[in-house]
Each structure stands twice: as structure tokens, then as C-alpha cells.
């Protein structure tokens, strides 16, 4: 009767209690998703069985079972760390990639992407290998990504320089970077119809200008004939850039967002 009275006289559930239950439920759900299909699933099932035996030993006179479980539980934590270190590492990595943490890591990843793109552009410029690299900003480029060959790979100097080697099947077209990943290569872009362009500008330059006229993306172009590095932003082409200058302009466009509110300008920057 005393236990029944205690149950009936429980304190009122508040919003904090509901939030507490929701967070615990979410953690349990994410943990089950992580261990599904792994060795940790069998470990979880065994842990549930041990807990059941422990509570049974408390309800019934099973003194030996209770003593054994209490003795073994002291070493279980160390055994779990040793046996399932890879699963624990994967779980922590998954937690760190949650949207809440990705928001803070986005700027760091964007800075790494800029470094890789600038380094690749510098190498391609020295070798006089043509390239067109598009970096998505606020406006999505899904239609153009679907026109190419999907990759979904980490942005790296080695990958970008390999894509545009003339001997590969991906060099003819644009590589598009979304969310700091190379989404696709060999993508087709719209050509500009602006009549005031220099005649020495090739298809890559016209495609870079044409795309940036339609959206807020930025496009890095390396000329195959002259090895010249250019950057297209808001329909304007900044030509004859060094890798250091390209890095600075990309940082301004992607990290500081200086070009977002810029007024329309001529299609080609005057020669220096």
C-alpha cells in the first residue's frame, strides 16, 4: 500500500522533465542506430541480459549470482573500451559531424577547400593545363551537377589536378564543389552571351562568366594556352591572378562574403 501511495503522489511532470525524457530517448535512438549491424549490438544484448539477472538476484535469494555480477561489473568498463575502441571512435566521429557542430566547422572546412583549390590552380597554371572549378555558395547548382559525372569526394589538390589531366575522361567540363566536397566533374555550364568579351577568351572563360551571371557561385578558370588563372564572380572575370591573389579573392568571396552585395560591373576586369 505504501508503494501504491507513493506512485499516486508523484510530483507533477514539468516541461523540463519532458525535455529530459526527449533528450535521453534521442541519445538511445542514435546509439541504437550506431551499433546496428556491428559487434556492439551483441554486446548490448548481453548487457541487457546481465541487468535482468542482476535485478532478479535482488528480487530472489540468488546471492551467488548477485556477487558474481557485482564482481564482474568492475572490469566491464575497461573491457568495453579495449574491445570496442573502433566503434567508440566511430560514434564520437558521428556525434562530431552532427548539424550543430558542422555549423561551427564550416568556416574551417571552407578555408581548407580554398587552400586546395588555390594550390591546384597554381600547379595547373604552371603546366598550362586547362581547368574550370566552380564553388557553390547560397544558390544551389543541382541541375549542373546532374549534367556531369558524380564523385562526392573530399576536395584535395591531388584530386583536382588529376581530374583536369588531358588523358582523363573528366577534364572536359567543370568540376563543381558543394558543401566543401567535389560533387561532380565534367559538368556542362551555360555560356555567356555578353558581346563585350575579349576574343581570346575560350569556352571555359565564357562558361564561368555565364554561370556566375545566373547565380552567386564563383568559378576558377585556368587557361590552357597561356596558363593564366582567372576568377569569375557575379559575371565579372578577374584575370591574370597569382595563386596568392586567387587565395585572397576566394577568401573574400567565400569566407567574408564581400562579393555578395557588390554592384554589377563590366564582364572583364581591365588588364593590369
C-alpha atoms as a PDB file:
ATOM      1  CA  UNK A   1       0.000   0.000   0.000  1.00  0.00           C
ATOM      2  CA  UNK A   2       2.856   2.391   0.762  1.00  0.00           C
ATOM      3  CA  UNK A   3       4.353   1.851  -2.701  1.00  0.00           C
ATOM      4  CA  UNK A   4       0.963   2.407  -4.321  1.00  0.00           C
ATOM      5  CA  UNK A   5       0.545   5.640  -2.359  1.00  0.00           C
ATOM      6  CA  UNK A   6       3.991   6.812  -3.462  1.00  0.00           C
ATOM      7  CA  UNK A   7       3.140   6.142  -7.090  1.00  0.00           C
ATOM      8  CA  UNK A   8      -0.115   8.062  -6.838  1.00  0.00           C
ATOM      9  CA  UNK A   9       1.548  11.015  -5.107  1.00  0.00           C
ATOM     10  CA  UNK A  10       4.251  11.573  -7.702  1.00  0.00           C
ATOM     11  CA  UNK A  11       5.169  15.232  -8.347  1.00  0.00           C
ATOM     12  CA  UNK A  12       3.697  16.913 -11.417  1.00  0.00           C
ATOM     13  CA  UNK A  13       5.626  16.469 -14.667  1.00  0.00           C
ATOM     14  CA  UNK A  14       7.101  19.762 -15.909  1.00  0.00           C
ATOM     15  CA  UNK A  15       8.418  20.870 -19.290  1.00  0.00           C
ATOM     16  CA  UNK A  16      11.958  20.201 -18.076  1.00  0.00           C
ATOM     17  CA  UNK A  17      11.001  16.591 -17.371  1.00  0.00           C
ATOM     18  CA  UNK A  18       9.614  16.246 -20.897  1.00  0.00           C
ATOM     19  CA  UNK A  19      12.793  17.740 -22.386  1.00  0.00           C
ATOM     20  CA  UNK A  20      14.893  15.423 -20.224  1.00  0.00           C
ATOM     21  CA  UNK A  21      12.981  12.371 -21.451  1.00  0.00           C
ATOM     22  CA  UNK A  22      13.188  13.560 -25.061  1.00  0.00           C
ATOM     23  CA  UNK A  23      16.958  14.022 -24.915  1.00  0.00           C
ATOM     24  CA  UNK A  24      17.514  10.620 -23.316  1.00  0.00           C
ATOM     25  CA  UNK A  25      15.262   8.985 -25.911  1.00  0.00           C
ATOM     26  CA  UNK A  26      17.175  10.716 -28.702  1.00  0.00           C
ATOM     27  CA  UNK A  27      20.512   9.549 -27.301  1.00  0.00           C
ATOM     28  CA  UNK A  28      19.263   5.964 -27.023  1.00  0.00           C
ATOM     29  CA  UNK A  29      17.898   6.105 -30.575  1.00  0.00           C
ATOM     30  CA  UNK A  30      21.189   7.431 -32.010  1.00  0.00           C
ATOM     31  CA  UNK A  31      23.157   4.835 -30.038  1.00  0.00           C
ATOM     32  CA  UNK A  32      20.995   2.016 -31.432  1.00  0.00           C
ATOM     33  CA  UNK A  33      21.476   3.356 -34.968  1.00  0.00           C
ATOM     34  CA  UNK A  34      25.231   3.386 -34.497  1.00  0.00           C
ATOM     35  CA  UNK A  35      25.543  -0.151 -33.145  1.00  0.00           C
ATOM     36  CA  UNK A  36      23.031  -1.721 -35.535  1.00  0.00           C
ATOM     37  CA  UNK A  37      24.760  -4.381 -37.601  1.00  0.00           C
ATOM     38  CA  UNK A  38      28.001  -4.250 -35.578  1.00  0.00           C
ATOM     39  CA  UNK A  39      29.576  -6.331 -32.823  1.00  0.00           C
ATOM     40  CA  UNK A  40      28.338  -3.783 -30.310  1.00  0.00           C
ATOM     41  CA  UNK A  41      24.771  -4.985 -30.951  1.00  0.00           C
ATOM     42  CA  UNK A  42      25.577  -8.369 -29.437  1.00  0.00           C
ATOM     43  CA  UNK A  43      27.324  -6.565 -26.578  1.00  0.00           C
ATOM     44  CA  UNK A  44      24.191  -4.504 -25.915  1.00  0.00           C
ATOM     45  CA  UNK A  45      22.023  -7.630 -25.894  1.00  0.00           C
ATOM     46  CA  UNK A  46      24.398  -9.292 -23.445  1.00  0.00           C
ATOM     47  CA  UNK A  47      24.348  -6.205 -21.220  1.00  0.00           C
ATOM     48  CA  UNK A  48      20.556  -6.278 -21.103  1.00  0.00           C
ATOM     49  CA  UNK A  49      20.683  -9.935 -20.081  1.00  0.00           C
ATOM     50  CA  UNK A  50      23.184  -9.155 -17.273  1.00  0.00           C
ATOM     51  CA  UNK A  51      20.947  -6.355 -15.986  1.00  0.00           C
ATOM     52  CA  UNK A  52      17.948  -8.671 -15.968  1.00  0.00           C
ATOM     53  CA  UNK A  53      19.899 -11.269 -13.981  1.00  0.00           C
ATOM     54  CA  UNK A  54      21.075  -8.591 -11.547  1.00  0.00           C
ATOM     55  CA  UNK A  55      17.527  -7.381 -10.809  1.00  0.00           C
ATOM     56  CA  UNK A  56      16.336 -10.980 -10.480  1.00  0.00           C
ATOM     57  CA  UNK A  57      19.090 -11.575  -7.911  1.00  0.00           C
ATOM     58  CA  UNK A  58      17.722  -8.618  -5.927  1.00  0.00           C
ATOM     59  CA  UNK A  59      14.150  -9.904  -6.009  1.00  0.00           C
ATOM     60  CA  UNK A  60      15.013 -13.527  -5.272  1.00  0.00           C
ATOM     61  CA  UNK A  61      17.615 -15.058  -2.924  1.00  0.00           C
ATOM     62  CA  UNK A  62      20.273 -15.527  -5.620  1.00  0.00           C
ATOM     63  CA  UNK A  63      23.272 -14.405  -3.589  1.00  0.00           C
ATOM     64  CA  UNK A  64      25.916 -16.075  -5.748  1.00  0.00           C
ATOM     65  CA  UNK A  65      24.581 -14.549  -8.944  1.00  0.00           C
ATOM     66  CA  UNK A  66      24.454 -11.095  -7.327  1.00  0.00           C
ATOM     67  CA  UNK A  67      28.035 -11.418  -6.048  1.00  0.00           C
ATOM     68  CA  UNK A  68      29.307 -12.604  -9.432  1.00  0.00           C
ATOM     69  CA  UNK A  69      27.657  -9.761 -11.321  1.00  0.00           C
ATOM     70  CA  UNK A  70      28.915  -7.110  -8.887  1.00  0.00           C
ATOM     71  CA  UNK A  71      32.450  -8.502  -9.176  1.00  0.00           C
ATOM     72  CA  UNK A  72      32.452  -8.665 -12.968  1.00  0.00           C
ATOM     73  CA  UNK A  73      30.903  -5.192 -13.494  1.00  0.00           C
ATOM     74  CA  UNK A  74      34.033  -3.569 -12.029  1.00  0.00           C
ATOM     75  CA  UNK A  75      36.038  -4.688 -15.071  1.00  0.00           C
ATOM     76  CA  UNK A  76      33.341  -4.355 -17.726  1.00  0.00           C
ATOM     77  CA  UNK A  77      34.088  -0.687 -18.460  1.00  0.00           C
ATOM     78  CA  UNK A  78      37.748  -1.411 -19.242  1.00  0.00           C
ATOM     79  CA  UNK A  79      36.806  -4.443 -21.337  1.00  0.00           C
ATOM     80  CA  UNK A  80      34.336  -2.379 -23.386  1.00  0.00           C
ATOM     81  CA  UNK A  81      36.956   0.313 -24.100  1.00  0.00           C
ATOM     82  CA  UNK A  82      39.523  -2.245 -25.258  1.00  0.00           C
ATOM     83  CA  UNK A  83      37.204  -4.451 -27.317  1.00  0.00           C
ATOM     84  CA  UNK A  84      35.096  -1.737 -28.926  1.00  0.00           C
ATOM     85  CA  UNK A  85      37.519   1.139 -29.343  1.00  0.00           C
ATOM     86  CA  UNK A  86      36.839   1.367 -33.100  1.00  0.00           C
ATOM     87  CA  UNK A  87      33.065   1.527 -32.532  1.00  0.00           C
ATOM     88  CA  UNK A  88      33.513   4.179 -29.841  1.00  0.00           C
ATOM     89  CA  UNK A  89      35.723   6.209 -32.169  1.00  0.00           C
ATOM     90  CA  UNK A  90      33.136   5.938 -34.949  1.00  0.00           C
ATOM     91  CA  UNK A  91      30.352   7.012 -32.564  1.00  0.00           C
ATOM     92  CA  UNK A  92      32.278  10.091 -31.419  1.00  0.00           C
ATOM     93  CA  UNK A  93      33.082  10.969 -35.032  1.00  0.00           C
ATOM     94  CA  UNK A  94      29.401  10.666 -35.925  1.00  0.00           C
ATOM     95  CA  UNK A  95      28.484  12.909 -32.989  1.00  0.00           C
ATOM     96  CA  UNK A  96      31.031  15.492 -34.074  1.00  0.00           C
ATOM     97  CA  UNK A  97      29.548  15.577 -37.586  1.00  0.00           C
ATOM     98  CA  UNK A  98      26.051  16.421 -36.336  1.00  0.00           C
ATOM     99  CA  UNK A  99      24.482  19.573 -37.866  1.00  0.00           C
ATOM    100  CA  UNK A 100      25.016  21.573 -34.665  1.00  0.00           C
ATOM    101  CA  UNK A 101      28.788  21.016 -34.799  1.00  0.00           C
ATOM    102  CA  UNK A 102      29.006  21.204 -38.602  1.00  0.00           C
ATOM    103  CA  UNK A 103      27.849  24.805 -38.368  1.00  0.00           C
ATOM    104  CA  UNK A 104      30.979  25.770 -36.420  1.00  0.00           C
ATOM    105  CA  UNK A 105      33.307  23.636 -38.564  1.00  0.00           C
ATOM    106  CA  UNK A 106      32.022  25.035 -41.873  1.00  0.00           C
ATOM    107  CA  UNK A 107      34.395  28.015 -41.936  1.00  0.00           C
ATOM    108  CA  UNK A 108      37.403  25.806 -41.223  1.00  0.00           C
ATOM    109  CA  UNK A 109      36.432  23.374 -43.993  1.00  0.00           C
ATOM    110  CA  UNK A 110      35.872  26.267 -46.408  1.00  0.00           C
ATOM    111  CA  UNK A 111      39.370  27.585 -45.629  1.00  0.00           C
ATOM    112  CA  UNK A 112      40.831  24.132 -46.357  1.00  0.00           C
ATOM    113  CA  UNK A 113      38.888  23.989 -49.641  1.00  0.00           C
ATOM    114  CA  UNK A 114      40.291  27.385 -50.653  1.00  0.00           C
ATOM    115  CA  UNK A 115      43.846  26.215 -49.957  1.00  0.00           C
ATOM    116  CA  UNK A 116      43.400  23.061 -52.034  1.00  0.00           C
ATOM    117  CA  UNK A 117      41.813  24.945 -54.948  1.00  0.00           C
ATOM    118  CA  UNK A 118      44.497  27.648 -54.950  1.00  0.00           C
ATOM    119  CA  UNK A 119      47.295  25.072 -54.836  1.00  0.00           C
ATOM    120  CA  UNK A 120      45.731  23.033 -57.655  1.00  0.00           C
ATOM    121  CA  UNK A 121      45.196  26.135 -59.775  1.00  0.00           C
ATOM    122  CA  UNK A 122      48.842  27.124 -59.301  1.00  0.00           C
ATOM    123  CA  UNK A 123      50.091  23.714 -60.415  1.00  0.00           C
ATOM    124  CA  UNK A 124      47.731  23.555 -63.412  1.00  0.00           C
ATOM    125  CA  UNK A 125      48.787  27.074 -64.400  1.00  0.00           C
ATOM    126  CA  UNK A 126      52.481  26.144 -64.439  1.00  0.00           C
ATOM    127  CA  UNK A 127      51.747  23.052 -66.510  1.00  0.00           C
ATOM    128  CA  UNK A 128      49.371  25.009 -68.796  1.00  0.00           C
ATOM    129  CA  UNK A 129      46.548  22.551 -68.230  1.00  0.00           C
ATOM    130  CA  UNK A 130      43.057  23.974 -68.706  1.00  0.00           C
ATOM    131  CA  UNK A 131      40.645  23.758 -65.774  1.00  0.00           C
ATOM    132  CA  UNK A 132      37.273  25.076 -64.613  1.00  0.00           C
ATOM    133  CA  UNK A 133      36.386  24.753 -60.923  1.00  0.00           C
ATOM    134  CA  UNK A 134      33.035  26.047 -59.656  1.00  0.00           C
ATOM    135  CA  UNK A 135      32.337  26.610 -55.942  1.00  0.00           C
ATOM    136  CA  UNK A 136      28.701  26.754 -54.879  1.00  0.00           C
ATOM    137  CA  UNK A 137      27.533  29.401 -52.410  1.00  0.00           C
ATOM    138  CA  UNK A 138      23.922  30.143 -51.449  1.00  0.00           C
ATOM    139  CA  UNK A 139      22.173  29.278 -54.732  1.00  0.00           C
ATOM    140  CA  UNK A 140      22.193  25.543 -55.473  1.00  0.00           C
ATOM    141  CA  UNK A 141      23.803  24.078 -58.585  1.00  0.00           C
ATOM    142  CA  UNK A 142      21.977  20.754 -58.628  1.00  0.00           C
ATOM    143  CA  UNK A 143      20.959  20.998 -62.299  1.00  0.00           C
ATOM    144  CA  UNK A 144      24.555  21.488 -63.373  1.00  0.00           C
ATOM    145  CA  UNK A 145      25.828  18.757 -61.032  1.00  0.00           C
ATOM    146  CA  UNK A 146      23.402  16.276 -62.590  1.00  0.00           C
ATOM    147  CA  UNK A 147      24.806  17.074 -66.052  1.00  0.00           C
ATOM    148  CA  UNK A 148      28.216  15.677 -65.091  1.00  0.00           C
ATOM    149  CA  UNK A 149      29.715  12.571 -63.550  1.00  0.00           C
ATOM    150  CA  UNK A 150      29.021  12.311 -59.786  1.00  0.00           C
ATOM    151  CA  UNK A 151      32.028  11.984 -57.483  1.00  0.00           C
ATOM    152  CA  UNK A 152      31.085  13.132 -53.948  1.00  0.00           C
ATOM    153  CA  UNK A 153      34.740  13.212 -52.866  1.00  0.00           C
ATOM    154  CA  UNK A 154      36.826  15.279 -50.476  1.00  0.00           C
ATOM    155  CA  UNK A 155      38.361  18.370 -52.047  1.00  0.00           C
ATOM    156  CA  UNK A 156      42.084  17.822 -52.462  1.00  0.00           C
ATOM    157  CA  UNK A 157      44.967  19.084 -54.564  1.00  0.00           C
ATOM    158  CA  UNK A 158      45.616  15.596 -55.941  1.00  0.00           C
ATOM    159  CA  UNK A 159      42.007  15.028 -56.990  1.00  0.00           C
ATOM    160  CA  UNK A 160      41.611  18.399 -58.714  1.00  0.00           C
ATOM    161  CA  UNK A 161      44.873  18.116 -60.637  1.00  0.00           C
ATOM    162  CA  UNK A 162      44.002  14.570 -61.687  1.00  0.00           C
ATOM    163  CA  UNK A 163      40.514  15.499 -62.921  1.00  0.00           C
ATOM    164  CA  UNK A 164      41.868  18.020 -65.436  1.00  0.00           C
ATOM    165  CA  UNK A 165      44.673  15.925 -66.857  1.00  0.00           C
ATOM    166  CA  UNK A 166      44.061  15.768 -70.652  1.00  0.00           C
ATOM    167  CA  UNK A 167      44.364  11.966 -70.559  1.00  0.00           C
ATOM    168  CA  UNK A 168      41.335  11.576 -68.256  1.00  0.00           C
ATOM    169  CA  UNK A 169      37.693  11.423 -69.298  1.00  0.00           C
ATOM    170  CA  UNK A 170      36.701  14.095 -66.765  1.00  0.00           C
ATOM    171  CA  UNK A 171      38.883  17.002 -67.934  1.00  0.00           C
ATOM    172  CA  UNK A 172      36.402  18.369 -70.491  1.00  0.00           C
ATOM    173  CA  UNK A 173      33.905  20.313 -68.401  1.00  0.00           C
ATOM    174  CA  UNK A 174      33.636  21.850 -64.946  1.00  0.00           C
ATOM    175  CA  UNK A 175      34.248  20.377 -61.519  1.00  0.00           C
ATOM    176  CA  UNK A 176      31.614  21.597 -59.060  1.00  0.00           C
ATOM    177  CA  UNK A 177      32.276  21.865 -55.327  1.00  0.00           C
ATOM    178  CA  UNK A 178      29.272  21.675 -52.995  1.00  0.00           C
ATOM    179  CA  UNK A 179      29.489  21.762 -49.193  1.00  0.00           C
ATOM    180  CA  UNK A 180      33.302  21.551 -49.453  1.00  0.00           C
ATOM    181  CA  UNK A 181      33.120  18.320 -51.477  1.00  0.00           C
ATOM    182  CA  UNK A 182      33.684  17.705 -55.173  1.00  0.00           C
ATOM    183  CA  UNK A 183      30.112  16.838 -56.143  1.00  0.00           C
ATOM    184  CA  UNK A 184      30.721  16.107 -59.824  1.00  0.00           C
ATOM    185  CA  UNK A 185      33.101  16.621 -62.739  1.00  0.00           C
ATOM    186  CA  UNK A 186      32.700  17.026 -66.499  1.00  0.00           C
ATOM    187  CA  UNK A 187      29.670  19.257 -65.890  1.00  0.00           C
ATOM    188  CA  UNK A 188      28.146  21.440 -68.605  1.00  0.00           C
ATOM    189  CA  UNK A 189      27.670  25.145 -67.859  1.00  0.00           C
ATOM    190  CA  UNK A 190      25.777  27.879 -69.736  1.00  0.00           C
ATOM    191  CA  UNK A 191      27.863  30.192 -71.948  1.00  0.00           C
ATOM    192  CA  UNK A 192      27.600  33.939 -71.592  1.00  0.00           C
ATOM    193  CA  UNK A 193      26.026  35.946 -74.408  1.00  0.00           C
ATOM    194  CA  UNK A 194      27.719  39.200 -73.399  1.00  0.00           C
ATOM    195  CA  UNK A 195      29.045  40.948 -76.561  1.00  0.00           C
ATOM    196  CA  UNK A 196      31.847  42.853 -74.807  1.00  0.00           C
ATOM    197  CA  UNK A 197      34.211  39.954 -74.177  1.00  0.00           C
ATOM    198  CA  UNK A 198      37.764  39.664 -75.465  1.00  0.00           C
ATOM    199  CA  UNK A 199      38.117  37.381 -78.441  1.00  0.00           C
ATOM    200  CA  UNK A 200      40.938  35.491 -76.782  1.00  0.00           C
ATOM    201  CA  UNK A 201      38.595  34.131 -74.111  1.00  0.00           C
ATOM    202  CA  UNK A 202      37.814  30.468 -74.658  1.00  0.00           C
ATOM    203  CA  UNK A 203      34.858  28.265 -73.803  1.00  0.00           C
ATOM    204  CA  UNK A 204      35.924  27.776 -70.182  1.00  0.00           C
ATOM    205  CA  UNK A 205      36.014  31.523 -69.532  1.00  0.00           C
ATOM    206  CA  UNK A 206      32.670  32.082 -71.251  1.00  0.00           C
ATOM    207  CA  UNK A 207      31.120  29.235 -69.258  1.00  0.00           C
ATOM    208  CA  UNK A 208      32.490  30.653 -65.994  1.00  0.00           C
ATOM    209  CA  UNK A 209      31.074  34.104 -66.764  1.00  0.00           C
ATOM    210  CA  UNK A 210      27.774  32.630 -67.964  1.00  0.00           C
ATOM    211  CA  UNK A 211      27.254  30.625 -64.773  1.00  0.00           C
ATOM    212  CA  UNK A 212      28.175  33.471 -62.418  1.00  0.00           C
ATOM    213  CA  UNK A 213      25.784  35.763 -64.285  1.00  0.00           C
ATOM    214  CA  UNK A 214      22.931  33.436 -63.292  1.00  0.00           C
ATOM    215  CA  UNK A 215      23.862  32.624 -59.676  1.00  0.00           C
ATOM    216  CA  UNK A 216      26.188  33.621 -56.829  1.00  0.00           C
ATOM    217  CA  UNK A 217      28.728  30.826 -57.385  1.00  0.00           C
ATOM    218  CA  UNK A 218      32.391  31.595 -58.023  1.00  0.00           C
ATOM    219  CA  UNK A 219      34.388  29.941 -60.813  1.00  0.00           C
ATOM    220  CA  UNK A 220      38.154  29.446 -61.076  1.00  0.00           C
ATOM    221  CA  UNK A 221      39.487  29.185 -64.633  1.00  0.00           C
ATOM    222  CA  UNK A 222      42.946  28.131 -65.784  1.00  0.00           C
ATOM    223  CA  UNK A 223      43.756  28.910 -69.406  1.00  0.00           C
ATOM    224  CA  UNK A 224      45.170  26.031 -71.407  1.00  0.00           C
ATOM    225  CA  UNK A 225      47.038  28.276 -73.868  1.00  0.00           C
ATOM    226  CA  UNK A 226      48.505  30.909 -71.535  1.00  0.00           C
ATOM    227  CA  UNK A 227      48.387  29.191 -68.140  1.00  0.00           C
ATOM    228  CA  UNK A 228      46.502  32.235 -66.865  1.00  0.00           C
ATOM    229  CA  UNK A 229      44.443  31.982 -63.661  1.00  0.00           C
ATOM    230  CA  UNK A 230      41.119  33.842 -63.628  1.00  0.00           C
ATOM    231  CA  UNK A 231      38.228  34.131 -61.185  1.00  0.00           C
ATOM    232  CA  UNK A 232      34.627  34.773 -62.257  1.00  0.00           C
ATOM    233  CA  UNK A 233      32.331  36.407 -59.686  1.00  0.00           C
ATOM    234  CA  UNK A 234      28.895  37.905 -60.409  1.00  0.00           C
ATOM    235  CA  UNK A 235      29.538  37.843 -64.141  1.00  0.00           C
ATOM    236  CA  UNK A 236      32.882  39.639 -63.864  1.00  0.00           C
ATOM    237  CA  UNK A 237      36.168  37.971 -64.801  1.00  0.00           C
ATOM    238  CA  UNK A 238      39.269  38.840 -62.743  1.00  0.00           C
ATOM    239  CA  UNK A 239      42.231  37.852 -64.909  1.00  0.00           C
ATOM    240  CA  UNK A 240      45.951  37.186 -64.552  1.00  0.00           C
ATOM    241  CA  UNK A 241      45.866  36.222 -60.900  1.00  0.00           C
ATOM    242  CA  UNK A 242      48.688  34.581 -58.999  1.00  0.00           C
ATOM    243  CA  UNK A 243      47.824  31.642 -56.692  1.00  0.00           C
ATOM    244  CA  UNK A 244      48.210  34.011 -53.709  1.00  0.00           C
ATOM    245  CA  UNK A 245      45.840  36.570 -55.252  1.00  0.00           C
ATOM    246  CA  UNK A 246      43.378  33.821 -56.074  1.00  0.00           C
ATOM    247  CA  UNK A 247      43.517  32.606 -52.479  1.00  0.00           C
ATOM    248  CA  UNK A 248      42.805  36.103 -51.176  1.00  0.00           C
ATOM    249  CA  UNK A 249      39.855  36.682 -53.533  1.00  0.00           C
ATOM    250  CA  UNK A 250      38.359  33.293 -52.705  1.00  0.00           C
ATOM    251  CA  UNK A 251      38.643  34.039 -49.009  1.00  0.00           C
ATOM    252  CA  UNK A 252      36.861  37.341 -49.562  1.00  0.00           C
ATOM    253  CA  UNK A 253      34.097  35.699 -51.604  1.00  0.00           C
ATOM    254  CA  UNK A 254      33.572  32.537 -49.544  1.00  0.00           C
ATOM    255  CA  UNK A 255      34.553  33.488 -46.001  1.00  0.00           C
ATOM    256  CA  UNK A 256      33.958  37.236 -45.802  1.00  0.00           C
ATOM    257  CA  UNK A 257      31.133  37.309 -48.394  1.00  0.00           C
ATOM    258  CA  UNK A 258      32.359  40.598 -49.813  1.00  0.00           C
ATOM    259  CA  UNK A 259      31.091  39.968 -53.327  1.00  0.00           C
ATOM    260  CA  UNK A 260      27.507  39.088 -52.383  1.00  0.00           C
ATOM    261  CA  UNK A 261      26.258  42.652 -52.264  1.00  0.00           C
ATOM    262  CA  UNK A 262      28.576  44.026 -54.938  1.00  0.00           C
ATOM    263  CA  UNK A 263      27.061  46.053 -57.764  1.00  0.00           C
ATOM    264  CA  UNK A 264      27.134  44.741 -61.345  1.00  0.00           C
ATOM    265  CA  UNK A 265      30.420  45.540 -63.106  1.00  0.00           C
ATOM    266  CA  UNK A 266      31.885  45.056 -66.593  1.00  0.00           C
ATOM    267  CA  UNK A 267      32.262  41.461 -67.695  1.00  0.00           C
ATOM    268  CA  UNK A 268      36.076  41.572 -67.835  1.00  0.00           C
ATOM    269  CA  UNK A 269      38.393  43.328 -65.427  1.00  0.00           C
ATOM    270  CA  UNK A 270      40.735  45.776 -67.210  1.00  0.00           C
ATOM    271  CA  UNK A 271      44.229  44.453 -67.917  1.00  0.00           C
ATOM    272  CA  UNK A 272      46.938  45.499 -65.477  1.00  0.00           C
END
